Structures are given as structure tokens and as C-alpha cells.
């Protein structure tokens, strides 16, 4: 492997590891990201760590501070509202297009993704990060399956970016699901209702159910933020 290829590979490794930990792992909103600490933990050089932090900053997952390093981007009520309004709009476009274009293979993936999600337990506490990561992975697969037949690479890029940021907020509700403010619904019933409407190609019903599903999550997270729950707080 050439020197330039090796450098790119190390940057990708650093980027993938940091991104995964921000979305699913131990790095939570507001956590400080010190390049020297990450270098030791990841066994990578400072240059790939810094380049990975720059990429994640461009994606809005990391906030950089002059002379103070970087932090995992924080969460706020205002950014949640903006994010979810945009997510509902893009989700509706993708879902409508997928129902118009989807074939039998697409339907099979939707059903398979729903089956796997239904067999995945929710995390039991804020410390149950492995269960939270697995549930998020399969939840992401289900939602992506629904929109994957939309036929637009640009729409799917936007969708994936919005889904990344949604996961950071939803993880707060997921890990605090036993808290009264979270008001956890019957998520499996919501997902199955959406799947059934999508497979029936019932556009008005499917898009209405999806809008409500995303709104329910937004409202649960907003209540937790208003109540002062922090991502790392034990319940």
C-alpha cells in the first residue's frame, strides 16, 4: 500500500470509529474530543484524527473550538425542531417515491427489516449502550428499507444525513425510556402500521402515519430536554 493510500486508510478508520461512537457508542453530546487522547485510544496518528474531526465538523456532528479542541455537537430544543421538520419533509418525498417505484424485492426487504427489528430488545438502562446500538442499527435498516426504492441518490443522501442527526436525539429518548417524560409508545405497533400501509401502497395513510411517528419521537425527546435530562444521566 502506498504512503498516500495508507494515510487515507487511517483517516477513514478514524472517521468511521469516531462517527460510530458519536451515533451509537460512548461519545455523547458535549463530550470533549482531544486529539491526543483519541490518538492513544484508537492507536492512530494525530493527522488522521484531526482530519476525521474536520470531516465530522463539516457534517455537524462535531463542534470545533479555537484553541480548545473539539466537542461532540450538543443537542438543543431548537435544533431538534428544525431537524425533525426537515426530516418529515424529506421522508415524505422518499416514501411516496418508493411506494410508486418499489418492486417485490423492495417489499421483501421491508418485511425482513421489520422482522429483525421486532426481535430486538430495547436497552434496559442508560448504560446499556450495546443494546441501544443494536436497536438503532436495526431501526435504521427498517426506515431505510422503506425509502430505499425512491430512485434518487440525492434524496437518499439527504435522508441519511438527517437520519444520522435524528439518531443522536432519539438515543436520548431510547436510553431514558423508563422516564415518565419519555412516554414510550408501542413502537412495534407503529412500525407495523407504517409497513402495512406502505406495502398496500396507501400513500395518504402511510405518509400520515410516518409524520405522526416522527412527531411522536420529537415530542418525547423535547419533553426530556425540557425536563433537563442529559444523555449520560442515570435514571
C-alpha atoms as a PDB file:
ATOM      1  CA  UNK A   1       0.000   0.000   0.000  1.00  0.00           C
ATOM      2  CA  UNK A   2       1.363   3.428  -0.963  1.00  0.00           C
ATOM      3  CA  UNK A   3       2.031   6.072   1.689  1.00  0.00           C
ATOM      4  CA  UNK A   4      -0.881   8.207   0.449  1.00  0.00           C
ATOM      5  CA  UNK A   5      -3.238   5.201   0.428  1.00  0.00           C
ATOM      6  CA  UNK A   6      -2.171   4.299   3.959  1.00  0.00           C
ATOM      7  CA  UNK A   7      -2.827   7.855   5.152  1.00  0.00           C
ATOM      8  CA  UNK A   8      -6.291   7.806   3.565  1.00  0.00           C
ATOM      9  CA  UNK A   9      -6.984   4.420   5.126  1.00  0.00           C
ATOM     10  CA  UNK A  10      -6.034   5.656   8.604  1.00  0.00           C
ATOM     11  CA  UNK A  11      -8.188   8.753   8.174  1.00  0.00           C
ATOM     12  CA  UNK A  12     -11.120   6.573   7.146  1.00  0.00           C
ATOM     13  CA  UNK A  13     -10.559   4.335  10.168  1.00  0.00           C
ATOM     14  CA  UNK A  14     -10.508   7.327  12.494  1.00  0.00           C
ATOM     15  CA  UNK A  15     -13.557   8.842  10.824  1.00  0.00           C
ATOM     16  CA  UNK A  16     -15.562   5.615  10.908  1.00  0.00           C
ATOM     17  CA  UNK A  17     -14.695   4.921  14.547  1.00  0.00           C
ATOM     18  CA  UNK A  18     -15.498   8.449  15.734  1.00  0.00           C
ATOM     19  CA  UNK A  19     -18.697   8.625  13.727  1.00  0.00           C
ATOM     20  CA  UNK A  20     -19.864   5.255  15.060  1.00  0.00           C
ATOM     21  CA  UNK A  21     -19.173   6.245  18.664  1.00  0.00           C
ATOM     22  CA  UNK A  22     -20.974   9.576  18.249  1.00  0.00           C
ATOM     23  CA  UNK A  23     -24.046   7.928  16.734  1.00  0.00           C
ATOM     24  CA  UNK A  24     -24.116   4.682  18.694  1.00  0.00           C
ATOM     25  CA  UNK A  25     -21.332   4.393  21.220  1.00  0.00           C
ATOM     26  CA  UNK A  26     -19.721   6.080  24.182  1.00  0.00           C
ATOM     27  CA  UNK A  27     -19.293   9.589  22.779  1.00  0.00           C
ATOM     28  CA  UNK A  28     -22.266  11.707  23.746  1.00  0.00           C
ATOM     29  CA  UNK A  29     -23.346  15.318  23.073  1.00  0.00           C
ATOM     30  CA  UNK A  30     -20.971  17.778  24.727  1.00  0.00           C
ATOM     31  CA  UNK A  31     -18.130  15.276  25.256  1.00  0.00           C
ATOM     32  CA  UNK A  32     -14.696  16.832  24.732  1.00  0.00           C
ATOM     33  CA  UNK A  33     -12.644  15.335  21.888  1.00  0.00           C
ATOM     34  CA  UNK A  34      -8.908  15.739  22.461  1.00  0.00           C
ATOM     35  CA  UNK A  35      -6.786  14.630  19.530  1.00  0.00           C
ATOM     36  CA  UNK A  36      -4.013  13.287  21.787  1.00  0.00           C
ATOM     37  CA  UNK A  37      -6.470  11.195  23.820  1.00  0.00           C
ATOM     38  CA  UNK A  38      -8.117   9.825  20.683  1.00  0.00           C
ATOM     39  CA  UNK A  39      -4.684   9.044  19.236  1.00  0.00           C
ATOM     40  CA  UNK A  40      -3.893   6.841  22.232  1.00  0.00           C
ATOM     41  CA  UNK A  41      -7.326   5.206  22.316  1.00  0.00           C
ATOM     42  CA  UNK A  42      -7.507   4.469  18.582  1.00  0.00           C
ATOM     43  CA  UNK A  43      -3.763   3.745  18.122  1.00  0.00           C
ATOM     44  CA  UNK A  44      -3.670   6.142  15.173  1.00  0.00           C
ATOM     45  CA  UNK A  45      -1.594   9.212  14.347  1.00  0.00           C
ATOM     46  CA  UNK A  46      -2.612  12.785  15.103  1.00  0.00           C
ATOM     47  CA  UNK A  47      -3.041  13.672  11.427  1.00  0.00           C
ATOM     48  CA  UNK A  48      -5.826  11.127  10.663  1.00  0.00           C
ATOM     49  CA  UNK A  49      -7.536  12.012  13.954  1.00  0.00           C
ATOM     50  CA  UNK A  50      -7.522  15.720  13.106  1.00  0.00           C
ATOM     51  CA  UNK A  51      -8.720  15.090   9.544  1.00  0.00           C
ATOM     52  CA  UNK A  52     -11.536  12.887  10.847  1.00  0.00           C
ATOM     53  CA  UNK A  53     -12.583  15.610  13.298  1.00  0.00           C
ATOM     54  CA  UNK A  54     -12.655  18.138  10.440  1.00  0.00           C
ATOM     55  CA  UNK A  55     -14.904  15.877   8.368  1.00  0.00           C
ATOM     56  CA  UNK A  56     -17.266  15.304  11.270  1.00  0.00           C
ATOM     57  CA  UNK A  57     -17.321  19.032  11.951  1.00  0.00           C
ATOM     58  CA  UNK A  58     -18.385  19.650   8.344  1.00  0.00           C
ATOM     59  CA  UNK A  59     -21.219  17.152   8.887  1.00  0.00           C
ATOM     60  CA  UNK A  60     -22.366  18.964  12.033  1.00  0.00           C
ATOM     61  CA  UNK A  61     -21.559  16.044  14.336  1.00  0.00           C
ATOM     62  CA  UNK A  62     -18.588  17.789  15.965  1.00  0.00           C
ATOM     63  CA  UNK A  63     -18.147  21.398  17.120  1.00  0.00           C
ATOM     64  CA  UNK A  64     -14.616  22.779  16.879  1.00  0.00           C
ATOM     65  CA  UNK A  65     -13.398  25.461  19.277  1.00  0.00           C
ATOM     66  CA  UNK A  66     -10.382  27.650  18.522  1.00  0.00           C
ATOM     67  CA  UNK A  67      -7.505  26.752  20.868  1.00  0.00           C
ATOM     68  CA  UNK A  68      -9.842  24.460  22.832  1.00  0.00           C
ATOM     69  CA  UNK A  69     -10.043  21.391  20.623  1.00  0.00           C
ATOM     70  CA  UNK A  70     -13.412  19.906  19.736  1.00  0.00           C
ATOM     71  CA  UNK A  71     -16.587  18.564  21.294  1.00  0.00           C
ATOM     72  CA  UNK A  72     -19.347  16.259  20.159  1.00  0.00           C
ATOM     73  CA  UNK A  73     -22.067  18.601  18.896  1.00  0.00           C
ATOM     74  CA  UNK A  74     -24.555  19.416  21.620  1.00  0.00           C
ATOM     75  CA  UNK A  75     -28.317  18.905  21.405  1.00  0.00           C
ATOM     76  CA  UNK A  76     -30.943  21.605  21.869  1.00  0.00           C
ATOM     77  CA  UNK A  77     -34.690  22.067  21.605  1.00  0.00           C
ATOM     78  CA  UNK A  78     -34.296  24.500  18.676  1.00  0.00           C
ATOM     79  CA  UNK A  79     -32.075  22.190  16.617  1.00  0.00           C
ATOM     80  CA  UNK A  80     -34.430  19.274  17.321  1.00  0.00           C
ATOM     81  CA  UNK A  81     -37.438  21.208  15.999  1.00  0.00           C
ATOM     82  CA  UNK A  82     -35.603  22.285  12.842  1.00  0.00           C
ATOM     83  CA  UNK A  83     -34.172  18.822  12.231  1.00  0.00           C
ATOM     84  CA  UNK A  84     -37.444  16.951  12.596  1.00  0.00           C
ATOM     85  CA  UNK A  85     -39.433  19.370  10.440  1.00  0.00           C
ATOM     86  CA  UNK A  86     -36.882  18.840   7.670  1.00  0.00           C
ATOM     87  CA  UNK A  87     -36.816  15.088   8.259  1.00  0.00           C
ATOM     88  CA  UNK A  88     -40.600  14.830   7.882  1.00  0.00           C
ATOM     89  CA  UNK A  89     -40.485  16.682   4.548  1.00  0.00           C
ATOM     90  CA  UNK A  90     -37.684  14.570   3.083  1.00  0.00           C
ATOM     91  CA  UNK A  91     -39.135  11.340   4.492  1.00  0.00           C
ATOM     92  CA  UNK A  92     -42.468  12.075   2.823  1.00  0.00           C
ATOM     93  CA  UNK A  93     -40.835  12.651  -0.578  1.00  0.00           C
ATOM     94  CA  UNK A  94     -38.763   9.472  -0.311  1.00  0.00           C
ATOM     95  CA  UNK A  95     -41.655   7.369   0.922  1.00  0.00           C
ATOM     96  CA  UNK A  96     -44.039   8.494  -1.818  1.00  0.00           C
ATOM     97  CA  UNK A  97     -41.438   7.768  -4.498  1.00  0.00           C
ATOM     98  CA  UNK A  98     -40.607   4.355  -3.017  1.00  0.00           C
ATOM     99  CA  UNK A  99     -44.249   3.308  -2.997  1.00  0.00           C
ATOM    100  CA  UNK A 100     -44.524   4.319  -6.634  1.00  0.00           C
ATOM    101  CA  UNK A 101     -41.347   2.526  -7.727  1.00  0.00           C
ATOM    102  CA  UNK A 102     -40.826  -0.336  -5.273  1.00  0.00           C
ATOM    103  CA  UNK A 103     -40.841  -3.921  -6.545  1.00  0.00           C
ATOM    104  CA  UNK A 104     -41.187  -7.329  -4.875  1.00  0.00           C
ATOM    105  CA  UNK A 105     -37.535  -7.337  -3.751  1.00  0.00           C
ATOM    106  CA  UNK A 106     -38.085  -3.978  -2.047  1.00  0.00           C
ATOM    107  CA  UNK A 107     -41.190  -5.318  -0.312  1.00  0.00           C
ATOM    108  CA  UNK A 108     -39.231  -8.358   0.878  1.00  0.00           C
ATOM    109  CA  UNK A 109     -36.512  -6.163   2.412  1.00  0.00           C
ATOM    110  CA  UNK A 110     -39.112  -4.032   4.211  1.00  0.00           C
ATOM    111  CA  UNK A 111     -40.682  -7.166   5.714  1.00  0.00           C
ATOM    112  CA  UNK A 112     -37.280  -8.662   6.647  1.00  0.00           C
ATOM    113  CA  UNK A 113     -36.134  -5.429   8.283  1.00  0.00           C
ATOM    114  CA  UNK A 114     -39.362  -5.224  10.279  1.00  0.00           C
ATOM    115  CA  UNK A 115     -38.933  -8.823  11.421  1.00  0.00           C
ATOM    116  CA  UNK A 116     -35.383  -8.195  12.656  1.00  0.00           C
ATOM    117  CA  UNK A 117     -36.412  -5.013  14.455  1.00  0.00           C
ATOM    118  CA  UNK A 118     -39.308  -6.757  16.168  1.00  0.00           C
ATOM    119  CA  UNK A 119     -36.853  -9.343  17.541  1.00  0.00           C
ATOM    120  CA  UNK A 120     -34.503  -6.736  19.010  1.00  0.00           C
ATOM    121  CA  UNK A 121     -34.969  -5.748  22.678  1.00  0.00           C
ATOM    122  CA  UNK A 122     -34.801  -2.140  23.809  1.00  0.00           C
ATOM    123  CA  UNK A 123     -31.958  -1.147  26.174  1.00  0.00           C
ATOM    124  CA  UNK A 124     -32.665  -1.587  29.867  1.00  0.00           C
ATOM    125  CA  UNK A 125     -30.778   1.494  31.104  1.00  0.00           C
ATOM    126  CA  UNK A 126     -28.610   4.453  30.104  1.00  0.00           C
ATOM    127  CA  UNK A 127     -25.558   2.198  30.482  1.00  0.00           C
ATOM    128  CA  UNK A 128     -26.869  -0.477  28.112  1.00  0.00           C
ATOM    129  CA  UNK A 129     -25.076   1.011  25.112  1.00  0.00           C
ATOM    130  CA  UNK A 130     -24.659  -2.265  23.245  1.00  0.00           C
ATOM    131  CA  UNK A 131     -28.394  -2.926  23.196  1.00  0.00           C
ATOM    132  CA  UNK A 132     -29.063   0.680  22.189  1.00  0.00           C
ATOM    133  CA  UNK A 133     -26.595   0.439  19.295  1.00  0.00           C
ATOM    134  CA  UNK A 134     -28.108  -2.828  18.021  1.00  0.00           C
ATOM    135  CA  UNK A 135     -31.648  -1.474  18.264  1.00  0.00           C
ATOM    136  CA  UNK A 136     -30.626   1.713  16.422  1.00  0.00           C
ATOM    137  CA  UNK A 137     -28.893  -0.316  13.709  1.00  0.00           C
ATOM    138  CA  UNK A 138     -31.993  -2.394  13.033  1.00  0.00           C
ATOM    139  CA  UNK A 139     -34.312   0.586  13.389  1.00  0.00           C
ATOM    140  CA  UNK A 140     -32.203   2.410  10.802  1.00  0.00           C
ATOM    141  CA  UNK A 141     -32.362  -0.608   8.486  1.00  0.00           C
ATOM    142  CA  UNK A 142     -36.169  -0.637   8.686  1.00  0.00           C
ATOM    143  CA  UNK A 143     -36.604   3.062   7.988  1.00  0.00           C
ATOM    144  CA  UNK A 144     -34.032   2.967   5.188  1.00  0.00           C
ATOM    145  CA  UNK A 145     -35.756  -0.031   3.623  1.00  0.00           C
ATOM    146  CA  UNK A 146     -38.984   1.961   3.416  1.00  0.00           C
ATOM    147  CA  UNK A 147     -37.406   4.800   1.426  1.00  0.00           C
ATOM    148  CA  UNK A 148     -34.693   2.875  -0.441  1.00  0.00           C
ATOM    149  CA  UNK A 149     -36.695   2.462  -3.669  1.00  0.00           C
ATOM    150  CA  UNK A 150     -37.205   6.206  -4.159  1.00  0.00           C
ATOM    151  CA  UNK A 151     -34.844   6.253  -7.148  1.00  0.00           C
ATOM    152  CA  UNK A 152     -32.947   9.403  -6.147  1.00  0.00           C
ATOM    153  CA  UNK A 153     -29.378   9.307  -4.879  1.00  0.00           C
ATOM    154  CA  UNK A 154     -29.659  12.936  -3.751  1.00  0.00           C
ATOM    155  CA  UNK A 155     -32.794  12.309  -1.719  1.00  0.00           C
ATOM    156  CA  UNK A 156     -31.154   9.303  -0.057  1.00  0.00           C
ATOM    157  CA  UNK A 157     -28.052  11.351   0.775  1.00  0.00           C
ATOM    158  CA  UNK A 158     -30.196  13.986   2.443  1.00  0.00           C
ATOM    159  CA  UNK A 159     -32.215  11.272   4.172  1.00  0.00           C
ATOM    160  CA  UNK A 160     -29.097   9.594   5.558  1.00  0.00           C
ATOM    161  CA  UNK A 161     -27.704  12.875   6.894  1.00  0.00           C
ATOM    162  CA  UNK A 162     -30.987  13.667   8.625  1.00  0.00           C
ATOM    163  CA  UNK A 163     -31.227  10.117   9.977  1.00  0.00           C
ATOM    164  CA  UNK A 164     -27.711  10.403  11.443  1.00  0.00           C
ATOM    165  CA  UNK A 165     -28.639  13.519  13.376  1.00  0.00           C
ATOM    166  CA  UNK A 166     -32.019  12.084  14.362  1.00  0.00           C
ATOM    167  CA  UNK A 167     -30.255   9.115  15.966  1.00  0.00           C
ATOM    168  CA  UNK A 168     -28.320  11.430  18.283  1.00  0.00           C
ATOM    169  CA  UNK A 169     -31.579  12.857  19.621  1.00  0.00           C
ATOM    170  CA  UNK A 170     -33.534   9.613  19.604  1.00  0.00           C
ATOM    171  CA  UNK A 171     -30.800   7.914  21.631  1.00  0.00           C
ATOM    172  CA  UNK A 172     -31.665  10.269  24.495  1.00  0.00           C
ATOM    173  CA  UNK A 173     -35.270   9.012  24.498  1.00  0.00           C
ATOM    174  CA  UNK A 174     -34.230   5.423  23.928  1.00  0.00           C
ATOM    175  CA  UNK A 175     -31.879   5.343  26.917  1.00  0.00           C
ATOM    176  CA  UNK A 176     -34.375   7.169  29.149  1.00  0.00           C
ATOM    177  CA  UNK A 177     -37.411   5.204  28.025  1.00  0.00           C
ATOM    178  CA  UNK A 178     -38.431   4.369  31.615  1.00  0.00           C
ATOM    179  CA  UNK A 179     -38.744   8.066  32.490  1.00  0.00           C
ATOM    180  CA  UNK A 180     -42.295   9.406  32.626  1.00  0.00           C
ATOM    181  CA  UNK A 181     -41.424  12.330  30.360  1.00  0.00           C
ATOM    182  CA  UNK A 182     -40.438   9.941  27.566  1.00  0.00           C
ATOM    183  CA  UNK A 183     -43.945   8.442  27.367  1.00  0.00           C
ATOM    184  CA  UNK A 184     -42.750   5.474  25.347  1.00  0.00           C
ATOM    185  CA  UNK A 185     -45.335   4.264  22.870  1.00  0.00           C
ATOM    186  CA  UNK A 186     -45.875   0.843  21.343  1.00  0.00           C
ATOM    187  CA  UNK A 187     -43.115   1.295  18.783  1.00  0.00           C
ATOM    188  CA  UNK A 188     -43.599  -2.104  17.202  1.00  0.00           C
ATOM    189  CA  UNK A 189     -47.277  -1.362  16.564  1.00  0.00           C
ATOM    190  CA  UNK A 190     -46.371   1.997  14.984  1.00  0.00           C
ATOM    191  CA  UNK A 191     -43.753   0.404  12.742  1.00  0.00           C
ATOM    192  CA  UNK A 192     -46.081  -2.414  11.664  1.00  0.00           C
ATOM    193  CA  UNK A 193     -48.871   0.025  10.848  1.00  0.00           C
ATOM    194  CA  UNK A 194     -46.486   2.028   8.678  1.00  0.00           C
ATOM    195  CA  UNK A 195     -45.225  -1.132   6.963  1.00  0.00           C
ATOM    196  CA  UNK A 196     -48.731  -2.368   6.232  1.00  0.00           C
ATOM    197  CA  UNK A 197     -49.780   0.964   4.711  1.00  0.00           C
ATOM    198  CA  UNK A 198     -46.595   1.131   2.634  1.00  0.00           C
ATOM    199  CA  UNK A 199     -46.965  -2.407   1.286  1.00  0.00           C
ATOM    200  CA  UNK A 200     -50.605  -1.648   0.458  1.00  0.00           C
ATOM    201  CA  UNK A 201     -49.335   1.419  -1.480  1.00  0.00           C
ATOM    202  CA  UNK A 202     -51.735   3.570   0.535  1.00  0.00           C
ATOM    203  CA  UNK A 203     -49.852   6.861   0.145  1.00  0.00           C
ATOM    204  CA  UNK A 204     -52.092   9.128   2.279  1.00  0.00           C
ATOM    205  CA  UNK A 205     -52.205   6.643   5.165  1.00  0.00           C
ATOM    206  CA  UNK A 206     -48.506   5.745   5.020  1.00  0.00           C
ATOM    207  CA  UNK A 207     -47.296   9.343   4.926  1.00  0.00           C
ATOM    208  CA  UNK A 208     -49.692  10.399   7.692  1.00  0.00           C
ATOM    209  CA  UNK A 209     -48.552   7.525   9.914  1.00  0.00           C
ATOM    210  CA  UNK A 210     -44.895   8.325   9.229  1.00  0.00           C
ATOM    211  CA  UNK A 211     -45.402  12.015  10.003  1.00  0.00           C
ATOM    212  CA  UNK A 212     -47.051  11.114  13.298  1.00  0.00           C
ATOM    213  CA  UNK A 213     -44.374   8.546  14.118  1.00  0.00           C
ATOM    214  CA  UNK A 214     -41.594  11.120  13.687  1.00  0.00           C
ATOM    215  CA  UNK A 215     -43.601  13.758  15.550  1.00  0.00           C
ATOM    216  CA  UNK A 216     -44.147  11.383  18.482  1.00  0.00           C
ATOM    217  CA  UNK A 217     -40.396  10.849  18.779  1.00  0.00           C
ATOM    218  CA  UNK A 218     -39.738  14.582  18.538  1.00  0.00           C
ATOM    219  CA  UNK A 219     -42.226  15.323  21.303  1.00  0.00           C
ATOM    220  CA  UNK A 220     -40.772  12.651  23.593  1.00  0.00           C
ATOM    221  CA  UNK A 221     -37.236  13.973  23.153  1.00  0.00           C
ATOM    222  CA  UNK A 222     -38.411  17.567  23.589  1.00  0.00           C
ATOM    223  CA  UNK A 223     -40.034  16.685  26.914  1.00  0.00           C
ATOM    224  CA  UNK A 224     -36.800  15.088  28.115  1.00  0.00           C
ATOM    225  CA  UNK A 225     -34.755  18.108  27.064  1.00  0.00           C
ATOM    226  CA  UNK A 226     -37.233  20.449  28.770  1.00  0.00           C
ATOM    227  CA  UNK A 227     -37.033  18.324  31.918  1.00  0.00           C
ATOM    228  CA  UNK A 228     -33.250  18.642  31.953  1.00  0.00           C
ATOM    229  CA  UNK A 229     -32.308  15.057  31.211  1.00  0.00           C
ATOM    230  CA  UNK A 230     -28.740  14.736  29.995  1.00  0.00           C
ATOM    231  CA  UNK A 231     -27.603  11.933  27.677  1.00  0.00           C
ATOM    232  CA  UNK A 232     -25.376  10.399  30.376  1.00  0.00           C
ATOM    233  CA  UNK A 233     -27.729  10.836  33.324  1.00  0.00           C
ATOM    234  CA  UNK A 234     -28.710   7.648  35.119  1.00  0.00           C
ATOM    235  CA  UNK A 235     -32.440   7.059  35.650  1.00  0.00           C
END
